[in-house]
Amino acid sequence: MKNSIAFAAGLQILIVGCIFLFMWIRAEGRRNVRIPEIKKENIWRCSICTYVYVDSEEDELSTCPRCTSINKRLDE
């Protein structure tokens, strides 16, 4: 009887420890994800709704994702 209770308690501690280890490894993997750098020339501000967004594909004209107006790059 004593051995079965000790075995069950040890097994439970082992399972809970493995779950915590798995969660810790997963959290560490997510923490090390690199965020790409955003260049200043890729940041746009809509002239109609003043929404600020990133559009790295366009050079001179860009479409606002919120109000779909077309914005022209201003020379700064």
C-alpha atoms as a PDB file:
ATOM      1  CA  MET A   1       0.000   0.000   0.000  1.00  0.00           C
ATOM      2  CA  LYS A   2       2.772   2.454   0.902  1.00  0.00           C
ATOM      3  CA  ASN A   3       4.685   1.731  -2.265  1.00  0.00           C
ATOM      4  CA  SER A   4       1.709   2.342  -4.529  1.00  0.00           C
ATOM      5  CA  ILE A   5       0.937   5.720  -2.889  1.00  0.00           C
ATOM      6  CA  ALA A   6       4.584   6.802  -3.124  1.00  0.00           C
ATOM      7  CA  PHE A   7       4.749   5.633  -6.729  1.00  0.00           C
ATOM      8  CA  ALA A   8       1.548   7.509  -7.626  1.00  0.00           C
ATOM      9  CA  ALA A   9       2.766  10.694  -5.923  1.00  0.00           C
ATOM     10  CA  GLY A  10       6.148  10.458  -7.631  1.00  0.00           C
ATOM     11  CA  LEU A  11       4.518   9.865 -11.003  1.00  0.00           C
ATOM     12  CA  GLN A  12       2.225  12.849 -10.501  1.00  0.00           C
ATOM     13  CA  ILE A  13       5.181  15.097  -9.589  1.00  0.00           C
ATOM     14  CA  LEU A  14       7.073  13.855 -12.636  1.00  0.00           C
ATOM     15  CA  ILE A  15       4.149  14.561 -14.985  1.00  0.00           C
ATOM     16  CA  VAL A  16       3.555  18.049 -13.567  1.00  0.00           C
ATOM     17  CA  GLY A  17       7.293  18.782 -13.802  1.00  0.00           C
ATOM     18  CA  CYS A  18       7.345  17.697 -17.460  1.00  0.00           C
ATOM     19  CA  ILE A  19       4.360  19.934 -18.220  1.00  0.00           C
ATOM     20  CA  PHE A  20       6.073  22.940 -16.625  1.00  0.00           C
ATOM     21  CA  LEU A  21       9.306  22.146 -18.471  1.00  0.00           C
ATOM     22  CA  PHE A  22       7.456  21.978 -21.788  1.00  0.00           C
ATOM     23  CA  MET A  23       5.690  25.299 -21.101  1.00  0.00           C
ATOM     24  CA  TRP A  24       8.996  26.959 -20.137  1.00  0.00           C
ATOM     25  CA  ILE A  25      10.780  25.736 -23.286  1.00  0.00           C
ATOM     26  CA  ARG A  26       7.883  26.923 -25.440  1.00  0.00           C
ATOM     27  CA  ALA A  27       7.878  30.376 -23.795  1.00  0.00           C
ATOM     28  CA  GLU A  28      11.643  30.722 -24.289  1.00  0.00           C
ATOM     29  CA  GLY A  29      11.279  29.837 -27.962  1.00  0.00           C
ATOM     30  CA  ARG A  30       8.670  32.537 -28.446  1.00  0.00           C
ATOM     31  CA  ARG A  31      10.762  35.130 -26.622  1.00  0.00           C
ATOM     32  CA  ASN A  32      13.710  34.735 -29.001  1.00  0.00           C
ATOM     33  CA  VAL A  33      11.683  35.533 -32.134  1.00  0.00           C
ATOM     34  CA  ARG A  34      13.225  38.516 -33.854  1.00  0.00           C
ATOM     35  CA  ILE A  35      11.036  41.374 -34.988  1.00  0.00           C
ATOM     36  CA  PRO A  36      12.089  42.767 -38.351  1.00  0.00           C
ATOM     37  CA  GLU A  37      13.332  46.338 -38.379  1.00  0.00           C
ATOM     38  CA  ILE A  38      10.978  48.922 -39.801  1.00  0.00           C
ATOM     39  CA  LYS A  39      12.638  51.547 -41.940  1.00  0.00           C
ATOM     40  CA  LYS A  40      11.446  55.116 -41.662  1.00  0.00           C
ATOM     41  CA  GLU A  41      10.647  55.292 -45.373  1.00  0.00           C
ATOM     42  CA  ASN A  42       8.172  52.387 -44.986  1.00  0.00           C
ATOM     43  CA  ILE A  43       6.024  54.235 -42.444  1.00  0.00           C
ATOM     44  CA  TRP A  44       3.077  56.021 -44.012  1.00  0.00           C
ATOM     45  CA  ARG A  45       0.488  58.409 -42.558  1.00  0.00           C
ATOM     46  CA  CYS A  46      -2.852  58.707 -44.289  1.00  0.00           C
ATOM     47  CA  SER A  47      -3.700  62.263 -45.286  1.00  0.00           C
ATOM     48  CA  ILE A  48      -7.436  61.600 -44.875  1.00  0.00           C
ATOM     49  CA  CYS A  49      -7.876  59.604 -41.655  1.00  0.00           C
ATOM     50  CA  THR A  50      -4.348  60.176 -40.195  1.00  0.00           C
ATOM     51  CA  TYR A  51      -3.889  56.418 -39.708  1.00  0.00           C
ATOM     52  CA  VAL A  52      -0.220  55.407 -39.391  1.00  0.00           C
ATOM     53  CA  TYR A  53       0.703  52.147 -41.151  1.00  0.00           C
ATOM     54  CA  VAL A  54       3.659  50.271 -42.626  1.00  0.00           C
ATOM     55  CA  ASP A  55       3.826  49.584 -46.359  1.00  0.00           C
ATOM     56  CA  SER A  56       7.171  48.282 -47.561  1.00  0.00           C
ATOM     57  CA  GLU A  57       6.019  47.366 -51.075  1.00  0.00           C
ATOM     58  CA  GLU A  58       5.165  50.792 -52.449  1.00  0.00           C
ATOM     59  CA  ASP A  59       7.564  53.557 -53.485  1.00  0.00           C
ATOM     60  CA  GLU A  60       5.521  56.641 -54.368  1.00  0.00           C
ATOM     61  CA  LEU A  61       1.834  55.794 -53.807  1.00  0.00           C
ATOM     62  CA  SER A  62       0.277  53.712 -51.081  1.00  0.00           C
ATOM     63  CA  THR A  63      -3.272  52.703 -50.194  1.00  0.00           C
ATOM     64  CA  CYS A  64      -4.433  53.230 -46.622  1.00  0.00           C
ATOM     65  CA  PRO A  65      -5.669  49.950 -45.107  1.00  0.00           C
ATOM     66  CA  ARG A  66      -8.298  51.731 -43.015  1.00  0.00           C
ATOM     67  CA  CYS A  67     -10.027  54.143 -45.419  1.00  0.00           C
ATOM     68  CA  THR A  68      -8.533  52.894 -48.751  1.00  0.00           C
ATOM     69  CA  SER A  69      -7.493  56.379 -49.831  1.00  0.00           C
ATOM     70  CA  ILE A  70      -4.349  56.731 -51.927  1.00  0.00           C
ATOM     71  CA  ASN A  71      -1.449  58.539 -50.294  1.00  0.00           C
ATOM     72  CA  LYS A  72       1.533  60.111 -51.985  1.00  0.00           C
ATOM     73  CA  ARG A  73       4.967  60.055 -50.421  1.00  0.00           C
ATOM     74  CA  LEU A  74       6.002  63.473 -49.196  1.00  0.00           C
ATOM     75  CA  ASP A  75       9.607  64.573 -49.664  1.00  0.00           C
ATOM     76  CA  GLU A  76      10.942  65.384 -46.222  1.00  0.00           C
END
